[in-house]
N, C-alpha and C. Protein backbone atom coordinates (compact mmCIF):
# COMPACT_ATOMS: atom_id res chain seq x y z
N UNK A 1 0.84 -1.17 0.00
CA UNK A 1 0.00 0.00 0.00
C UNK A 1 0.89 1.24 0.00
N UNK A 2 0.58 2.20 -0.87
CA UNK A 2 1.30 3.46 -0.91
C UNK A 2 0.89 4.30 0.29
N UNK A 3 1.88 4.69 1.11
CA UNK A 3 1.58 5.46 2.32
C UNK A 3 2.12 6.87 2.28
N UNK A 4 3.07 7.15 1.39
CA UNK A 4 3.58 8.51 1.36
C UNK A 4 4.77 8.70 0.44
N UNK A 5 5.38 9.87 0.63
CA UNK A 5 6.55 10.27 -0.16
C UNK A 5 7.63 10.67 0.82
N UNK A 6 8.85 10.18 0.59
CA UNK A 6 10.01 10.55 1.39
C UNK A 6 10.76 11.62 0.60
N UNK A 7 11.10 12.72 1.27
CA UNK A 7 11.74 13.85 0.60
C UNK A 7 13.01 14.22 1.35
N UNK A 8 14.15 14.21 0.63
CA UNK A 8 15.41 14.66 1.21
C UNK A 8 15.35 16.16 1.44
N UNK A 9 15.88 16.62 2.56
CA UNK A 9 15.83 18.04 2.88
C UNK A 9 17.06 18.48 3.66
N UNK A 10 17.59 19.64 3.31
CA UNK A 10 18.67 20.24 4.09
C UNK A 10 18.11 20.81 5.38
N UNK A 11 16.94 21.44 5.30
CA UNK A 11 16.27 22.02 6.46
C UNK A 11 14.92 21.31 6.61
N UNK A 12 14.92 20.24 7.38
CA UNK A 12 13.73 19.39 7.53
C UNK A 12 12.53 20.19 8.04
N UNK A 13 12.74 21.00 9.07
CA UNK A 13 11.62 21.76 9.65
C UNK A 13 11.04 22.74 8.64
N UNK A 14 11.89 23.44 7.91
CA UNK A 14 11.39 24.42 6.93
C UNK A 14 10.61 23.74 5.82
N UNK A 15 11.14 22.61 5.32
CA UNK A 15 10.46 21.90 4.24
C UNK A 15 9.14 21.31 4.71
N UNK A 16 9.11 20.78 5.91
CA UNK A 16 7.87 20.24 6.46
C UNK A 16 6.82 21.35 6.56
N UNK A 17 7.23 22.50 7.06
CA UNK A 17 6.31 23.64 7.20
C UNK A 17 5.82 24.11 5.83
N UNK A 18 6.75 24.23 4.86
CA UNK A 18 6.37 24.68 3.53
C UNK A 18 5.32 23.75 2.92
N UNK A 19 5.57 22.44 2.94
CA UNK A 19 4.67 21.51 2.27
C UNK A 19 3.34 21.35 3.02
N UNK A 20 3.37 21.47 4.35
CA UNK A 20 2.10 21.44 5.09
C UNK A 20 1.22 22.61 4.65
N UNK A 21 1.83 23.80 4.54
CA UNK A 21 1.08 24.98 4.12
C UNK A 21 0.75 24.94 2.63
N UNK A 22 1.67 24.45 1.81
CA UNK A 22 1.44 24.39 0.36
C UNK A 22 0.26 23.48 0.03
N UNK A 23 0.16 22.35 0.71
CA UNK A 23 -0.93 21.39 0.45
C UNK A 23 -2.18 21.70 1.26
N UNK A 24 -2.07 22.66 2.18
CA UNK A 24 -3.15 22.99 3.12
C UNK A 24 -3.52 21.77 3.95
N UNK A 25 -2.54 20.86 4.12
CA UNK A 25 -2.78 19.64 4.88
C UNK A 25 -3.58 18.61 4.13
N UNK A 26 -3.87 18.85 2.85
CA UNK A 26 -4.69 17.93 2.05
C UNK A 26 -3.76 17.08 1.18
N UNK A 27 -3.49 15.89 1.65
CA UNK A 27 -2.57 14.99 0.95
C UNK A 27 -3.22 13.65 0.61
N UNK A 28 -4.53 13.59 0.68
CA UNK A 28 -5.22 12.35 0.34
C UNK A 28 -4.86 11.19 1.25
N UNK A 29 -4.49 11.50 2.50
CA UNK A 29 -4.11 10.45 3.44
C UNK A 29 -2.67 9.99 3.32
N UNK A 30 -1.91 10.58 2.41
CA UNK A 30 -0.50 10.22 2.25
C UNK A 30 0.36 11.10 3.14
N UNK A 31 1.44 10.52 3.64
CA UNK A 31 2.35 11.26 4.52
C UNK A 31 3.52 11.78 3.71
N UNK A 32 3.88 13.04 3.93
CA UNK A 32 5.11 13.59 3.38
C UNK A 32 6.12 13.54 4.51
N UNK A 33 7.16 12.71 4.31
CA UNK A 33 8.17 12.51 5.36
C UNK A 33 9.49 13.09 4.88
N UNK A 34 10.05 13.99 5.68
CA UNK A 34 11.28 14.68 5.32
C UNK A 34 12.44 14.08 6.09
N UNK A 35 13.52 13.78 5.37
CA UNK A 35 14.70 13.19 6.00
C UNK A 35 15.91 14.07 5.70
N UNK A 36 16.84 14.17 6.66
CA UNK A 36 18.01 15.02 6.45
C UNK A 36 18.85 14.56 5.25
N UNK A 37 19.27 15.54 4.45
CA UNK A 37 20.12 15.28 3.29
C UNK A 37 21.47 15.94 3.53
N UNK A 38 22.56 15.29 3.12
CA UNK A 38 23.88 15.87 3.36
C UNK A 38 24.25 16.99 2.38
N UNK A 39 23.54 17.07 1.25
CA UNK A 39 23.91 18.07 0.24
C UNK A 39 22.66 18.56 -0.48
N UNK A 40 22.74 19.74 -1.11
CA UNK A 40 21.58 20.28 -1.81
C UNK A 40 21.28 19.52 -3.11
N UNK A 41 20.12 19.79 -3.65
CA UNK A 41 19.72 19.19 -4.92
C UNK A 41 20.73 19.58 -6.00
N UNK A 42 21.17 18.58 -6.77
CA UNK A 42 22.17 18.83 -7.81
C UNK A 42 21.66 18.47 -9.19
N UNK A 43 20.59 17.70 -9.28
CA UNK A 43 20.09 17.29 -10.59
C UNK A 43 19.25 18.39 -11.21
N UNK A 44 19.20 18.39 -12.52
CA UNK A 44 18.44 19.39 -13.26
C UNK A 44 16.95 19.29 -12.97
N UNK A 45 16.41 18.07 -13.01
CA UNK A 45 14.97 17.88 -12.82
C UNK A 45 14.76 16.56 -12.09
N UNK A 46 13.96 16.61 -11.04
CA UNK A 46 13.64 15.38 -10.30
C UNK A 46 12.81 14.45 -11.18
N UNK A 47 13.00 13.16 -10.99
CA UNK A 47 12.16 12.18 -11.70
C UNK A 47 10.78 12.05 -11.07
N UNK A 48 10.67 12.38 -9.79
CA UNK A 48 9.39 12.31 -9.10
C UNK A 48 9.04 13.72 -8.63
N UNK A 49 7.81 14.15 -8.93
CA UNK A 49 7.37 15.46 -8.45
C UNK A 49 5.90 15.39 -8.06
N UNK A 50 5.45 16.42 -7.36
CA UNK A 50 4.08 16.48 -6.88
C UNK A 50 3.29 17.50 -7.69
N UNK A 51 2.00 17.22 -7.89
CA UNK A 51 1.08 18.16 -8.53
C UNK A 51 0.06 18.62 -7.50
N UNK A 52 -0.14 19.93 -7.43
CA UNK A 52 -1.15 20.51 -6.56
C UNK A 52 -2.27 21.07 -7.41
N UNK A 53 -3.49 21.03 -6.88
CA UNK A 53 -4.62 21.63 -7.58
C UNK A 53 -4.59 23.13 -7.37
N UNK A 54 -4.73 23.89 -8.46
CA UNK A 54 -4.76 25.34 -8.35
C UNK A 54 -6.13 25.88 -7.99
N UNK A 55 -7.16 25.07 -8.24
CA UNK A 55 -8.51 25.51 -7.94
C UNK A 55 -9.02 26.53 -8.94
N UNK A 56 -10.25 27.01 -8.75
CA UNK A 56 -10.84 27.93 -9.70
C UNK A 56 -10.08 29.25 -9.83
N UNK A 57 -9.38 29.66 -8.76
CA UNK A 57 -8.60 30.89 -8.78
C UNK A 57 -7.12 30.53 -8.70
N UNK A 58 -6.64 29.80 -9.71
CA UNK A 58 -5.28 29.26 -9.68
C UNK A 58 -4.21 30.35 -9.62
N UNK A 59 -4.47 31.52 -10.18
CA UNK A 59 -3.47 32.60 -10.13
C UNK A 59 -3.23 33.05 -8.69
N UNK A 60 -4.30 33.12 -7.90
CA UNK A 60 -4.17 33.47 -6.49
C UNK A 60 -3.43 32.37 -5.74
N UNK A 61 -3.70 31.12 -6.11
CA UNK A 61 -3.02 30.00 -5.46
C UNK A 61 -1.53 30.03 -5.77
N UNK A 62 -1.16 30.31 -7.00
CA UNK A 62 0.26 30.42 -7.37
C UNK A 62 0.91 31.55 -6.57
N UNK A 63 0.24 32.68 -6.45
CA UNK A 63 0.78 33.80 -5.67
C UNK A 63 0.96 33.41 -4.21
N UNK A 64 0.02 32.65 -3.66
CA UNK A 64 0.13 32.18 -2.27
C UNK A 64 1.36 31.30 -2.09
N UNK A 65 1.58 30.39 -3.04
CA UNK A 65 2.73 29.48 -2.97
C UNK A 65 4.04 30.24 -3.10
N UNK A 66 4.07 31.24 -3.97
CA UNK A 66 5.27 32.07 -4.11
C UNK A 66 5.55 32.81 -2.80
N UNK A 67 4.52 33.29 -2.15
CA UNK A 67 4.68 33.99 -0.87
C UNK A 67 5.19 33.05 0.23
N UNK A 68 4.89 31.76 0.11
CA UNK A 68 5.36 30.77 1.09
C UNK A 68 6.84 30.43 0.89
N UNK A 69 7.42 30.79 -0.26
CA UNK A 69 8.83 30.50 -0.51
C UNK A 69 9.10 29.72 -1.77
N UNK A 70 8.05 29.41 -2.54
CA UNK A 70 8.26 28.75 -3.83
C UNK A 70 8.81 29.76 -4.83
N UNK A 71 9.31 29.27 -5.96
CA UNK A 71 9.75 30.16 -7.04
C UNK A 71 9.39 29.51 -8.36
N UNK A 72 9.24 30.34 -9.38
CA UNK A 72 8.94 29.83 -10.72
C UNK A 72 10.21 29.21 -11.31
N UNK A 73 10.04 28.12 -12.05
CA UNK A 73 11.18 27.49 -12.73
C UNK A 73 10.78 27.10 -14.15
N UNK A 74 11.76 27.08 -15.01
CA UNK A 74 11.56 26.66 -16.39
C UNK A 74 12.36 25.38 -16.60
N UNK A 75 11.65 24.30 -16.84
CA UNK A 75 12.30 23.01 -17.10
C UNK A 75 12.05 22.59 -18.55
N UNK A 76 11.75 23.59 -19.39
CA UNK A 76 11.48 23.32 -20.79
C UNK A 76 10.04 22.93 -21.05
N UNK A 77 9.12 23.28 -20.14
CA UNK A 77 7.73 22.86 -20.26
C UNK A 77 6.98 23.54 -21.40
N UNK A 78 7.43 24.72 -21.83
CA UNK A 78 6.72 25.41 -22.90
C UNK A 78 5.37 25.92 -22.43
N UNK A 79 4.42 26.02 -23.36
CA UNK A 79 3.08 26.53 -23.08
C UNK A 79 2.19 25.38 -22.64
N UNK A 80 1.99 25.24 -21.34
CA UNK A 80 1.21 24.13 -20.78
C UNK A 80 0.14 24.67 -19.84
N UNK A 81 -0.92 23.88 -19.57
CA UNK A 81 -1.99 24.35 -18.70
C UNK A 81 -1.70 24.13 -17.21
N UNK A 82 -0.49 24.38 -16.80
CA UNK A 82 -0.10 24.32 -15.40
C UNK A 82 1.10 25.24 -15.21
N UNK A 83 1.37 25.56 -13.96
CA UNK A 83 2.52 26.39 -13.61
C UNK A 83 3.56 25.50 -12.93
N UNK A 84 4.81 25.66 -13.32
CA UNK A 84 5.89 24.88 -12.71
C UNK A 84 6.61 25.77 -11.71
N UNK A 85 6.63 25.32 -10.47
CA UNK A 85 7.30 26.02 -9.39
C UNK A 85 8.32 25.07 -8.76
N UNK A 86 9.13 25.61 -7.87
CA UNK A 86 10.05 24.79 -7.08
C UNK A 86 9.89 25.18 -5.62
N UNK A 87 10.02 24.20 -4.75
CA UNK A 87 9.93 24.47 -3.31
C UNK A 87 11.22 25.18 -2.86
N UNK A 88 11.35 25.54 -1.59
CA UNK A 88 12.52 26.30 -1.15
C UNK A 88 13.87 25.60 -1.37
N UNK A 89 13.87 24.29 -1.60
CA UNK A 89 15.13 23.58 -1.85
C UNK A 89 15.27 23.15 -3.31
N UNK A 90 14.43 23.71 -4.19
CA UNK A 90 14.58 23.49 -5.63
C UNK A 90 13.87 22.30 -6.21
N UNK A 91 13.02 21.61 -5.43
CA UNK A 91 12.26 20.48 -5.95
C UNK A 91 11.06 20.98 -6.73
N UNK A 92 10.98 20.60 -8.00
CA UNK A 92 9.90 21.05 -8.87
C UNK A 92 8.55 20.47 -8.44
N UNK A 93 7.51 21.27 -8.65
CA UNK A 93 6.14 20.78 -8.51
C UNK A 93 5.26 21.59 -9.44
N UNK A 94 4.09 21.07 -9.74
CA UNK A 94 3.18 21.73 -10.67
C UNK A 94 1.92 22.18 -9.95
N UNK A 95 1.39 23.30 -10.41
CA UNK A 95 0.09 23.79 -9.95
C UNK A 95 -0.84 23.69 -11.15
N UNK A 96 -1.80 22.78 -11.06
CA UNK A 96 -2.69 22.50 -12.19
C UNK A 96 -3.84 23.49 -12.23
N UNK A 97 -4.18 23.90 -13.44
CA UNK A 97 -5.27 24.85 -13.63
C UNK A 97 -6.61 24.11 -13.67
N UNK A 98 -7.72 24.82 -13.50
CA UNK A 98 -9.04 24.18 -13.52
C UNK A 98 -9.27 23.41 -14.82
N UNK A 99 -9.96 22.29 -14.69
CA UNK A 99 -10.29 21.48 -15.86
C UNK A 99 -9.21 20.51 -16.27
N UNK A 100 -8.12 20.45 -15.51
CA UNK A 100 -7.05 19.51 -15.86
C UNK A 100 -7.56 18.08 -15.70
N UNK A 101 -7.34 17.22 -16.69
CA UNK A 101 -7.85 15.85 -16.62
C UNK A 101 -7.36 15.09 -15.39
N UNK A 102 -8.24 14.35 -14.78
CA UNK A 102 -7.88 13.49 -13.67
C UNK A 102 -7.85 14.17 -12.31
N UNK A 103 -8.10 15.48 -12.25
CA UNK A 103 -8.05 16.20 -10.98
C UNK A 103 -9.43 16.13 -10.32
N UNK A 104 -9.46 15.59 -9.08
CA UNK A 104 -10.73 15.39 -8.38
C UNK A 104 -10.85 16.26 -7.14
N UNK A 105 -10.02 17.32 -7.02
CA UNK A 105 -10.09 18.22 -5.87
C UNK A 105 -9.72 19.63 -6.32
N UNK A 106 -10.15 20.62 -5.54
CA UNK A 106 -9.85 22.01 -5.86
C UNK A 106 -8.59 22.52 -5.18
N UNK A 107 -8.05 21.76 -4.22
CA UNK A 107 -6.82 22.19 -3.55
C UNK A 107 -6.09 20.97 -3.01
N UNK A 108 -4.84 21.21 -2.64
CA UNK A 108 -4.03 20.15 -2.05
C UNK A 108 -3.33 19.28 -3.09
N UNK A 109 -2.74 18.22 -2.60
CA UNK A 109 -2.02 17.26 -3.44
C UNK A 109 -3.03 16.47 -4.28
N UNK A 110 -2.81 16.44 -5.61
CA UNK A 110 -3.72 15.69 -6.47
C UNK A 110 -3.01 14.63 -7.30
N UNK A 111 -1.68 14.73 -7.44
CA UNK A 111 -0.97 13.70 -8.21
C UNK A 111 0.48 13.62 -7.78
N UNK A 112 0.99 12.40 -7.83
CA UNK A 112 2.41 12.11 -7.67
C UNK A 112 2.85 11.65 -9.04
N UNK A 113 3.80 12.35 -9.63
CA UNK A 113 4.19 12.09 -11.01
C UNK A 113 5.59 11.50 -11.07
N UNK A 114 5.71 10.35 -11.70
CA UNK A 114 6.99 9.67 -11.86
C UNK A 114 7.33 9.62 -13.34
N UNK A 115 8.44 10.25 -13.70
CA UNK A 115 8.89 10.25 -15.09
C UNK A 115 9.37 8.85 -15.47
N UNK A 116 8.84 8.32 -16.56
CA UNK A 116 9.32 7.05 -17.12
C UNK A 116 9.32 7.18 -18.64
N UNK A 117 10.11 6.36 -19.29
CA UNK A 117 10.12 6.38 -20.75
C UNK A 117 8.83 5.77 -21.27
N UNK A 118 8.53 6.02 -22.53
CA UNK A 118 7.33 5.46 -23.13
C UNK A 118 7.33 3.94 -23.05
N UNK A 119 8.51 3.33 -23.28
CA UNK A 119 8.62 1.87 -23.22
C UNK A 119 8.41 1.34 -21.81
N UNK A 120 8.70 2.17 -20.79
CA UNK A 120 8.58 1.73 -19.40
C UNK A 120 7.19 1.95 -18.81
N UNK A 121 6.30 2.66 -19.52
CA UNK A 121 4.99 2.99 -18.94
C UNK A 121 4.22 1.76 -18.47
N UNK A 122 4.02 0.80 -19.34
CA UNK A 122 3.24 -0.38 -18.96
C UNK A 122 3.94 -1.22 -17.90
N UNK A 123 5.25 -1.52 -18.06
CA UNK A 123 5.92 -2.29 -17.01
C UNK A 123 5.93 -1.57 -15.66
N UNK A 124 6.17 -0.25 -15.68
CA UNK A 124 6.18 0.50 -14.42
C UNK A 124 4.78 0.56 -13.82
N UNK A 125 3.76 0.72 -14.68
CA UNK A 125 2.39 0.70 -14.19
C UNK A 125 2.07 -0.60 -13.48
N UNK A 126 2.48 -1.71 -14.09
CA UNK A 126 2.23 -3.02 -13.47
C UNK A 126 3.03 -3.19 -12.18
N UNK A 127 4.30 -2.74 -12.19
CA UNK A 127 5.14 -2.84 -11.00
C UNK A 127 4.52 -2.06 -9.84
N UNK A 128 4.14 -0.79 -10.11
CA UNK A 128 3.62 0.04 -9.03
C UNK A 128 2.21 -0.35 -8.62
N UNK A 129 1.46 -0.96 -9.53
CA UNK A 129 0.15 -1.50 -9.15
C UNK A 129 0.34 -2.61 -8.11
N UNK A 130 1.35 -3.46 -8.33
CA UNK A 130 1.64 -4.55 -7.39
C UNK A 130 2.18 -4.02 -6.05
N UNK A 131 3.02 -2.98 -6.10
CA UNK A 131 3.60 -2.44 -4.87
C UNK A 131 2.60 -1.67 -4.02
N UNK A 132 1.72 -0.90 -4.69
CA UNK A 132 0.84 0.02 -3.97
C UNK A 132 -0.55 -0.55 -3.70
N UNK A 133 -0.97 -1.50 -4.54
CA UNK A 133 -2.35 -1.97 -4.46
C UNK A 133 -3.31 -1.03 -5.16
N UNK A 134 -2.79 0.02 -5.80
CA UNK A 134 -3.62 0.96 -6.55
C UNK A 134 -3.75 0.46 -7.98
N UNK A 135 -4.95 0.26 -8.49
CA UNK A 135 -5.10 -0.23 -9.86
C UNK A 135 -4.83 0.87 -10.91
N UNK A 136 -4.41 0.43 -12.08
CA UNK A 136 -4.29 1.33 -13.22
C UNK A 136 -5.70 1.68 -13.66
N UNK A 137 -6.03 2.98 -13.68
CA UNK A 137 -7.37 3.42 -14.06
C UNK A 137 -7.39 4.10 -15.43
N UNK A 138 -6.21 4.50 -15.92
CA UNK A 138 -6.10 5.10 -17.24
C UNK A 138 -4.79 4.67 -17.86
N UNK A 139 -4.83 4.42 -19.17
CA UNK A 139 -3.62 4.12 -19.93
C UNK A 139 -3.76 4.79 -21.29
N UNK A 140 -2.86 5.74 -21.56
CA UNK A 140 -2.93 6.55 -22.78
C UNK A 140 -1.54 6.70 -23.37
N UNK A 141 -1.46 7.45 -24.48
CA UNK A 141 -0.16 7.76 -25.07
C UNK A 141 0.73 8.52 -24.10
N UNK A 142 0.11 9.37 -23.26
CA UNK A 142 0.90 10.18 -22.32
C UNK A 142 1.38 9.39 -21.12
N UNK A 143 0.84 8.20 -20.88
CA UNK A 143 1.28 7.39 -19.73
C UNK A 143 0.13 6.66 -19.08
N UNK A 144 0.32 6.36 -17.79
CA UNK A 144 -0.70 5.62 -17.03
C UNK A 144 -1.01 6.37 -15.73
N UNK A 145 -2.23 6.15 -15.25
CA UNK A 145 -2.65 6.73 -13.97
C UNK A 145 -3.16 5.60 -13.08
N UNK A 146 -2.69 5.58 -11.84
CA UNK A 146 -3.16 4.65 -10.82
C UNK A 146 -3.90 5.47 -9.77
N UNK A 147 -4.92 4.85 -9.18
CA UNK A 147 -5.70 5.55 -8.16
C UNK A 147 -6.14 4.52 -7.13
N UNK A 148 -6.06 4.88 -5.85
CA UNK A 148 -6.42 3.96 -4.77
C UNK A 148 -7.85 3.47 -4.92
N UNK A 149 -8.77 4.37 -5.23
CA UNK A 149 -10.17 4.04 -5.43
C UNK A 149 -10.75 5.08 -6.37
N UNK A 150 -11.92 4.82 -6.95
CA UNK A 150 -12.48 5.76 -7.93
C UNK A 150 -12.63 7.18 -7.41
N UNK A 151 -12.95 7.38 -6.15
CA UNK A 151 -13.14 8.73 -5.61
C UNK A 151 -11.92 9.32 -4.94
N UNK A 152 -10.82 8.59 -4.92
CA UNK A 152 -9.60 9.07 -4.26
C UNK A 152 -9.10 10.34 -4.95
N UNK A 153 -8.73 11.35 -4.16
CA UNK A 153 -8.33 12.63 -4.73
C UNK A 153 -6.90 12.65 -5.25
N UNK A 154 -6.06 11.68 -4.86
CA UNK A 154 -4.67 11.65 -5.30
C UNK A 154 -4.45 10.46 -6.23
N UNK A 155 -3.73 10.72 -7.33
CA UNK A 155 -3.38 9.63 -8.24
C UNK A 155 -1.87 9.56 -8.40
N UNK A 156 -1.41 8.41 -8.86
CA UNK A 156 0.00 8.18 -9.19
C UNK A 156 0.06 8.12 -10.72
N UNK A 157 0.78 9.08 -11.31
CA UNK A 157 0.82 9.22 -12.76
C UNK A 157 2.24 8.93 -13.24
N UNK A 158 2.36 8.11 -14.29
CA UNK A 158 3.67 7.79 -14.86
C UNK A 158 3.66 8.01 -16.36
N UNK A 159 4.71 8.66 -16.86
CA UNK A 159 4.81 8.88 -18.29
C UNK A 159 6.03 9.68 -18.66
N UNK A 160 6.26 9.77 -19.97
CA UNK A 160 7.42 10.53 -20.45
C UNK A 160 7.16 12.04 -20.35
N UNK A 161 8.23 12.83 -20.46
CA UNK A 161 9.61 12.41 -20.70
C UNK A 161 10.29 12.02 -19.40
N UNK A 162 11.22 11.11 -19.48
CA UNK A 162 11.97 10.67 -18.31
C UNK A 162 13.26 11.47 -18.21
N UNK A 163 13.43 12.12 -17.08
CA UNK A 163 14.68 12.85 -16.84
C UNK A 163 15.81 11.83 -16.70
N UNK A 164 17.00 12.15 -17.22
CA UNK A 164 18.12 11.23 -17.04
C UNK A 164 18.39 11.00 -15.56
N UNK A 165 18.74 9.79 -15.21
CA UNK A 165 19.03 9.47 -13.81
C UNK A 165 20.52 9.67 -13.58
N UNK A 166 20.86 10.75 -12.89
CA UNK A 166 22.27 11.08 -12.65
C UNK A 166 22.65 10.98 -11.18
N UNK A 167 21.65 10.88 -10.31
CA UNK A 167 21.91 10.81 -8.87
C UNK A 167 20.71 10.15 -8.20
N UNK A 168 20.85 9.91 -6.91
CA UNK A 168 19.76 9.34 -6.13
C UNK A 168 18.58 10.30 -6.16
N UNK A 169 17.36 9.78 -6.31
CA UNK A 169 16.15 10.61 -6.34
C UNK A 169 15.94 11.28 -4.98
N UNK A 170 15.66 12.58 -4.98
CA UNK A 170 15.41 13.32 -3.74
C UNK A 170 14.00 13.07 -3.22
N UNK A 171 13.07 12.69 -4.09
CA UNK A 171 11.72 12.33 -3.69
C UNK A 171 11.53 10.86 -4.05
N UNK A 172 11.00 10.11 -3.09
CA UNK A 172 10.83 8.66 -3.29
C UNK A 172 9.49 8.21 -2.72
N UNK A 173 8.89 7.24 -3.39
CA UNK A 173 7.63 6.68 -2.89
C UNK A 173 7.92 5.79 -1.68
N UNK A 174 6.93 5.71 -0.79
CA UNK A 174 7.04 4.85 0.39
C UNK A 174 5.81 3.94 0.43
N UNK A 175 6.05 2.64 0.56
CA UNK A 175 4.96 1.67 0.60
C UNK A 175 5.09 0.78 1.83
N UNK A 176 3.97 0.30 2.30
CA UNK A 176 3.95 -0.69 3.38
C UNK A 176 3.78 -2.06 2.75
N UNK A 177 4.70 -2.95 3.07
CA UNK A 177 4.62 -4.34 2.62
C UNK A 177 4.94 -5.23 3.81
N UNK A 178 3.98 -6.02 4.26
CA UNK A 178 4.20 -6.92 5.40
C UNK A 178 5.05 -8.13 4.99
N UNK A 179 5.09 -8.41 3.67
CA UNK A 179 5.79 -9.60 3.17
C UNK A 179 7.23 -9.31 2.76
N UNK A 180 7.72 -8.09 2.96
CA UNK A 180 9.07 -7.73 2.55
C UNK A 180 9.81 -7.09 3.71
N UNK A 181 11.12 -7.23 3.71
CA UNK A 181 11.95 -6.56 4.70
C UNK A 181 11.94 -5.05 4.43
N UNK A 182 11.93 -4.24 5.48
CA UNK A 182 12.00 -2.79 5.28
C UNK A 182 13.34 -2.38 4.68
N UNK A 183 13.35 -1.26 4.00
CA UNK A 183 14.59 -0.73 3.44
C UNK A 183 14.32 0.08 2.20
N UNK A 184 15.42 0.45 1.53
CA UNK A 184 15.31 1.19 0.29
C UNK A 184 15.63 0.25 -0.86
N UNK A 185 14.82 0.31 -1.91
CA UNK A 185 14.94 -0.59 -3.05
C UNK A 185 14.86 0.22 -4.34
N UNK A 186 15.10 -0.44 -5.47
CA UNK A 186 14.99 0.18 -6.79
C UNK A 186 13.87 -0.47 -7.58
N UNK A 187 13.10 0.36 -8.30
CA UNK A 187 12.13 -0.22 -9.22
C UNK A 187 12.86 -0.59 -10.52
N UNK A 188 12.12 -1.08 -11.50
CA UNK A 188 12.74 -1.57 -12.73
C UNK A 188 13.44 -0.47 -13.52
N UNK A 189 13.09 0.78 -13.30
CA UNK A 189 13.72 1.90 -14.02
C UNK A 189 14.82 2.56 -13.18
N UNK A 190 15.17 1.95 -12.06
CA UNK A 190 16.26 2.47 -11.23
C UNK A 190 15.87 3.56 -10.26
N UNK A 191 14.57 3.72 -10.00
CA UNK A 191 14.10 4.73 -9.04
C UNK A 191 14.05 4.13 -7.64
N UNK A 192 14.63 4.84 -6.69
CA UNK A 192 14.59 4.38 -5.31
C UNK A 192 13.19 4.49 -4.74
N UNK A 193 12.85 3.55 -3.86
CA UNK A 193 11.60 3.65 -3.10
C UNK A 193 11.83 2.96 -1.76
N UNK A 194 10.97 3.27 -0.80
CA UNK A 194 11.10 2.74 0.55
C UNK A 194 9.99 1.74 0.85
N UNK A 195 10.37 0.69 1.55
CA UNK A 195 9.39 -0.26 2.07
C UNK A 195 9.45 -0.16 3.60
N UNK A 196 8.28 -0.02 4.21
CA UNK A 196 8.16 -0.04 5.67
C UNK A 196 7.15 -1.11 6.05
N UNK A 197 7.11 -1.40 7.31
CA UNK A 197 6.11 -2.35 7.81
C UNK A 197 5.16 -1.58 8.65
């Protein structure tokens, strides 16, 4: 079962405070767990990022997030129906505008996005379906979406483009598995994830 996201942080307290306020505490029952990191983010783009709902007044929501300490970033997204920001330690996240497909809430965390290659979409979808217990509910050219249940506000989305893997992922999925030893493991595409009991 998917229980949360582990995030490396230089300043654990600041990052915890930022994300609690950024999500308004709405994380679909998932825990954001911050762990001390020995060095700052060095990769160009994280392979795993979070999507927040901008709600009907998404411009005001973006301004609120900027006031909390986020900043705008350009990762080559071009003209898209979302805003790309980074948290105080440079981790990218998206603020989705109204009408974005698959969004079932007006605020808070609505998607966990894992970059995978087009060839890896189906295998990764199957792998993460087995790890999380969340079924694949959509499969398209853009990737796959998993959701805990039909009304669940948070989904796990996988699709291209996949950022090159040059270092350990700063954001990692965390799952509970009673049949496995706890620890950090790699999925088929080399992404770290945590297993807890």
